[in-house]
Amino acid sequence: MRVVSLVPSLTELIWELAPGTLAGRTKFCTEPPEMAARVPAFGGTKDPDVAAIAALQPDLVIANREENRREDVAALEAAGLRVLVTVIDSVGEALAAIRAIGAEVGNSAGADALAAEVEAALEEARSGEGPRVFVPIWRRPLLGLGGGTYGSSLLEACGAVNVLRERERYPEVTLEEVRELRPELVLLPDEPYHFREEHCAEFAGVAPARLVDGKLLWWYGPRMPRSIRALRELLAEAAAWR
């Protein structure tokens, strides 16, 4: 089995479950570093080198509905390749993807063990209602994390209330709109927009702002258990401010 992954977090998952199957990645698939040093890259998530991937003739290409473009998936399929397009808009779908990919790469036992670890971390995290949270994903225009997304599902599973949960995907908002939703915490991730310390002041009139590793919020796969625990700890700190 030879697999090319076009999804950074799933590349990390495949390397965890069956490193010998991973034949290609994108330039954004950088974790873990030892994988990036050994596995060749074929373009980006939005512009993969379809011709080079087709020439490699992998048994499977892993893609994602949000990360990758429909036209690139179609081109890979037209080249005769089998493409598994994952849809991961919730924690439950992330768990299903872990198990499905584990089966594809011949390590269902490892995938089941990881899924069980995720479920145990989630069980630990379910302890009362956490703070109301706003998560911007882009600065200009200001885009926020809405409902129907993995990030929102993860935060809510950790006890937070996403103030934009009633709005789909990644809506454009104003600071005044956000203020009216009464968040108690603003989480500033370093991806897709790289929020920095100097940006915290922009949300001073909304709620206390904290910088956060974007991979905690967006990357599903082997880092999920520690992401859940880290987020729960951060949310518990914010809840103590009330």
Protein backbone atom coordinates (compact mmCIF):
# COMPACT_ATOMS: atom_id res chain seq x y z
CA MET A 1 0.00 0.00 0.00
CA ARG A 2 1.33 3.42 -1.03
CA VAL A 3 -0.57 6.51 0.06
CA VAL A 4 -0.31 10.19 -0.85
CA SER A 5 -1.92 12.53 1.67
CA LEU A 6 -3.06 16.05 0.77
CA VAL A 7 -4.21 16.84 4.33
CA PRO A 8 -1.56 17.88 6.89
CA SER A 9 -3.26 16.44 9.96
CA LEU A 10 -4.09 13.18 8.18
CA THR A 11 -0.52 12.93 6.91
CA GLU A 12 0.53 13.01 10.55
CA LEU A 13 -2.06 10.31 11.29
CA ILE A 14 -0.82 8.01 8.53
CA TRP A 15 2.76 8.45 9.71
CA GLU A 16 1.62 7.48 13.21
CA LEU A 17 -0.31 4.41 12.11
CA ALA A 18 1.68 3.07 9.15
CA PRO A 19 4.71 5.18 8.23
CA GLY A 20 5.87 2.74 5.58
CA THR A 21 2.75 3.39 3.49
CA LEU A 22 3.25 7.16 3.14
CA ALA A 23 4.64 7.90 -0.32
CA GLY A 24 3.82 11.59 -0.72
CA ARG A 25 2.52 14.70 1.02
CA THR A 26 1.98 18.43 0.45
CA LYS A 27 4.49 21.12 1.37
CA PHE A 28 2.20 22.03 4.28
CA CYS A 29 2.43 18.52 5.73
CA THR A 30 5.31 19.32 8.08
CA GLU A 31 4.55 17.24 11.17
CA PRO A 32 6.34 15.33 12.47
CA PRO A 33 9.65 16.77 11.22
CA GLU A 34 11.19 13.33 10.66
CA MET A 35 8.36 12.52 8.25
CA ALA A 36 8.85 15.77 6.33
CA ALA A 37 12.55 14.96 5.99
CA ARG A 38 11.85 11.58 4.40
CA VAL A 39 8.61 11.87 2.40
CA PRO A 40 8.58 13.92 -0.84
CA ALA A 41 6.17 16.85 -1.25
CA PHE A 42 4.00 17.34 -4.32
CA GLY A 43 2.74 20.94 -4.20
CA GLY A 44 0.30 22.45 -1.74
CA THR A 45 -3.14 21.61 -0.41
CA LYS A 46 -4.82 23.94 -2.94
CA ASP A 47 -2.39 23.32 -5.80
CA PRO A 48 -1.06 19.75 -5.66
CA ASP A 49 1.16 18.57 -8.50
CA VAL A 50 -1.42 16.26 -10.03
CA ALA A 51 0.88 15.05 -12.81
CA ALA A 52 3.65 14.10 -10.38
CA ILE A 53 1.22 12.33 -8.06
CA ALA A 54 -0.31 10.43 -10.98
CA ALA A 55 3.18 9.40 -12.14
CA LEU A 56 3.84 7.96 -8.68
CA GLN A 57 0.79 5.70 -9.09
CA PRO A 58 -0.14 5.47 -5.40
CA ASP A 59 -2.80 3.02 -4.28
CA LEU A 60 -4.71 5.77 -2.49
CA VAL A 61 -4.82 9.56 -2.25
CA ILE A 62 -6.27 11.06 0.94
CA ALA A 63 -8.06 14.41 0.55
CA ASN A 64 -10.50 16.52 2.53
CA ARG A 65 -13.54 18.49 1.40
CA GLU A 66 -12.43 21.66 3.17
CA GLU A 67 -8.66 21.44 2.70
CA ASN A 68 -8.58 20.50 -0.98
CA ARG A 69 -10.20 21.66 -4.21
CA ARG A 70 -12.85 19.65 -6.01
CA GLU A 71 -11.13 20.15 -9.37
CA ASP A 72 -7.87 18.66 -8.09
CA VAL A 73 -9.71 15.62 -6.74
CA ALA A 74 -11.45 15.24 -10.11
CA ALA A 75 -8.12 15.47 -11.95
CA LEU A 76 -6.58 12.79 -9.74
CA GLU A 77 -9.56 10.52 -10.29
CA ALA A 78 -9.41 11.17 -14.04
CA ALA A 79 -5.79 9.98 -13.90
CA GLY A 80 -7.09 6.66 -12.61
CA LEU A 81 -6.25 7.14 -8.94
CA ARG A 82 -8.48 6.19 -6.02
CA VAL A 83 -9.18 9.23 -3.87
CA LEU A 84 -10.69 9.08 -0.40
CA VAL A 85 -12.29 12.47 0.30
CA THR A 86 -12.81 12.88 4.02
CA VAL A 87 -15.49 15.15 5.48
CA ILE A 88 -14.55 16.18 9.01
CA ASP A 89 -16.85 18.83 10.43
CA SER A 90 -17.14 17.37 13.93
CA VAL A 91 -15.26 15.38 16.53
CA GLY A 92 -17.41 12.36 15.69
CA GLU A 93 -16.43 12.59 12.02
CA ALA A 94 -12.77 12.90 13.03
CA LEU A 95 -13.05 9.67 15.00
CA ALA A 96 -14.71 7.96 12.03
CA ALA A 97 -11.91 9.18 9.74
CA ILE A 98 -9.24 7.86 12.10
CA ARG A 99 -10.83 4.41 12.00
CA ALA A 100 -11.40 4.50 8.23
CA ILE A 101 -7.82 5.49 7.48
CA GLY A 102 -6.52 2.92 9.95
CA ALA A 103 -8.39 0.25 7.99
CA GLU A 104 -7.03 1.56 4.68
CA VAL A 105 -3.39 1.43 5.82
CA GLY A 106 -3.71 -1.91 7.58
CA ASN A 107 -3.61 -0.80 11.20
CA SER A 108 -7.17 -0.89 12.51
CA ALA A 109 -5.91 -1.86 15.95
CA GLY A 110 -3.75 1.26 16.19
CA ALA A 111 -6.60 3.44 14.94
CA ASP A 112 -9.02 1.94 17.46
CA ALA A 113 -6.52 2.54 20.26
CA LEU A 114 -6.10 6.18 19.22
CA ALA A 115 -9.88 6.65 18.97
CA ALA A 116 -10.29 5.18 22.44
CA GLU A 117 -7.68 7.60 23.78
CA VAL A 118 -9.56 10.51 22.18
CA GLU A 119 -12.85 9.33 23.68
CA ALA A 120 -11.24 9.03 27.12
CA ALA A 121 -9.89 12.58 26.87
CA LEU A 122 -13.33 13.82 25.83
CA GLU A 123 -14.93 12.08 28.80
CA GLU A 124 -12.49 13.83 31.13
CA ALA A 125 -13.26 17.18 29.47
CA ARG A 126 -17.03 16.95 30.00
CA SER A 127 -17.33 18.64 33.36
CA GLY A 128 -19.65 21.61 33.42
CA GLU A 129 -20.15 24.55 31.10
CA GLY A 130 -17.05 26.47 30.14
CA PRO A 131 -16.74 30.07 28.98
CA ARG A 132 -18.34 31.71 25.97
CA VAL A 133 -15.62 31.84 23.31
CA PHE A 134 -14.96 33.73 20.09
CA VAL A 135 -12.30 32.42 17.71
CA PRO A 136 -11.28 34.64 14.77
CA ILE A 137 -9.66 32.77 11.91
CA TRP A 138 -8.84 35.83 9.77
CA ARG A 139 -8.12 39.46 10.60
CA ARG A 140 -9.13 41.61 7.61
CA PRO A 141 -11.90 40.94 6.95
CA LEU A 142 -12.67 39.60 10.40
CA LEU A 143 -13.83 36.00 9.99
CA GLY A 144 -14.89 33.89 12.93
CA LEU A 145 -15.24 30.21 13.70
CA GLY A 146 -18.88 29.28 13.20
CA GLY A 147 -20.96 26.15 13.60
CA GLY A 148 -20.78 23.07 11.41
CA THR A 149 -16.99 22.95 11.77
CA TYR A 150 -14.53 20.63 13.46
CA GLY A 151 -13.09 23.49 15.53
CA SER A 152 -16.48 24.48 16.90
CA SER A 153 -17.36 20.86 17.66
CA LEU A 154 -14.07 20.39 19.49
CA LEU A 155 -14.51 23.51 21.61
CA GLU A 156 -18.04 22.53 22.56
CA ALA A 157 -16.90 18.99 23.38
CA CYS A 158 -14.40 20.59 25.76
CA GLY A 159 -17.21 22.51 27.47
CA ALA A 160 -16.95 25.90 25.76
CA VAL A 161 -19.83 27.78 24.16
CA ASN A 162 -18.92 29.03 20.68
CA VAL A 163 -20.67 32.39 20.39
CA LEU A 164 -20.93 31.95 16.59
CA ARG A 165 -22.31 28.40 16.72
CA GLU A 166 -25.60 29.48 15.12
CA ARG A 167 -23.79 30.81 12.05
CA GLU A 168 -22.39 28.37 9.52
CA ARG A 169 -18.73 27.78 8.77
CA TYR A 170 -16.59 30.95 8.90
CA PRO A 171 -18.82 34.04 8.81
CA GLU A 172 -17.61 37.60 8.39
CA VAL A 173 -18.38 39.66 11.50
CA THR A 174 -17.66 43.03 13.04
CA LEU A 175 -16.18 43.63 16.48
CA GLU A 176 -19.47 45.22 17.51
CA GLU A 177 -21.40 42.09 16.50
CA VAL A 178 -18.99 39.94 18.47
CA ARG A 179 -19.23 42.22 21.50
CA GLU A 180 -23.01 41.85 21.49
CA LEU A 181 -22.62 38.06 21.70
CA ARG A 182 -20.90 38.51 25.09
CA PRO A 183 -17.86 36.25 24.75
CA GLU A 184 -15.80 35.72 27.88
CA LEU A 185 -12.67 34.68 26.02
CA VAL A 186 -11.11 35.32 22.61
CA LEU A 187 -8.77 32.63 21.32
CA LEU A 188 -6.27 33.88 18.73
CA PRO A 189 -4.79 30.96 16.74
CA ASP A 190 -1.62 31.14 14.67
CA GLU A 191 -3.31 29.58 11.63
CA PRO A 192 -4.79 30.12 9.11
CA TYR A 193 -4.14 33.79 10.01
CA HIS A 194 -1.07 34.14 12.20
CA PHE A 195 -2.36 36.19 15.12
CA ARG A 196 0.41 37.61 17.31
CA GLU A 197 0.72 39.30 20.68
CA GLU A 198 0.17 42.75 19.20
CA HIS A 199 -3.26 41.70 17.93
CA CYS A 200 -4.59 41.01 21.43
CA ALA A 201 -5.22 44.73 21.98
CA GLU A 202 -7.65 44.80 19.03
CA PHE A 203 -10.05 42.67 21.08
CA ALA A 204 -9.63 44.57 24.36
CA GLY A 205 -13.20 45.85 24.22
CA VAL A 206 -14.60 42.39 23.55
CA ALA A 207 -13.04 39.95 26.03
CA PRO A 208 -9.63 38.86 27.30
CA ALA A 209 -7.61 37.47 24.38
CA ARG A 210 -5.24 34.52 24.52
CA LEU A 211 -2.86 33.27 21.84
CA VAL A 212 -3.30 29.58 21.07
CA ASP A 213 -1.53 27.02 18.90
CA GLY A 214 -3.82 26.65 15.88
CA LYS A 215 -3.04 22.95 15.64
CA LEU A 216 -4.96 22.45 18.90
CA LEU A 217 -8.10 23.67 17.15
CA TRP A 218 -7.75 22.46 13.58
CA TRP A 219 -5.64 19.30 13.48
CA TYR A 220 -7.51 16.05 13.97
CA GLY A 221 -5.58 12.80 14.35
CA PRO A 222 -2.88 11.69 16.79
CA ARG A 223 -2.61 15.05 18.54
CA MET A 224 -6.32 15.10 19.49
CA PRO A 225 -5.94 13.70 23.03
CA ARG A 226 -3.33 16.28 24.06
CA SER A 227 -5.23 19.03 22.21
CA ILE A 228 -8.38 18.23 24.18
CA ARG A 229 -6.50 18.31 27.48
CA ALA A 230 -4.70 21.55 26.60
CA LEU A 231 -7.91 23.27 25.52
CA ARG A 232 -9.77 22.07 28.59
CA GLU A 233 -7.02 23.48 30.83
CA LEU A 234 -7.11 26.80 28.99
CA LEU A 235 -10.92 26.96 29.22
CA ALA A 236 -10.84 26.10 32.92
CA GLU A 237 -8.47 29.02 33.52
CA ALA A 238 -10.86 31.34 31.67
CA ALA A 239 -13.86 30.02 33.62
CA ALA A 240 -12.04 30.90 36.85
CA TRP A 241 -11.98 34.56 35.78
CA ARG A 242 -15.77 34.80 36.02
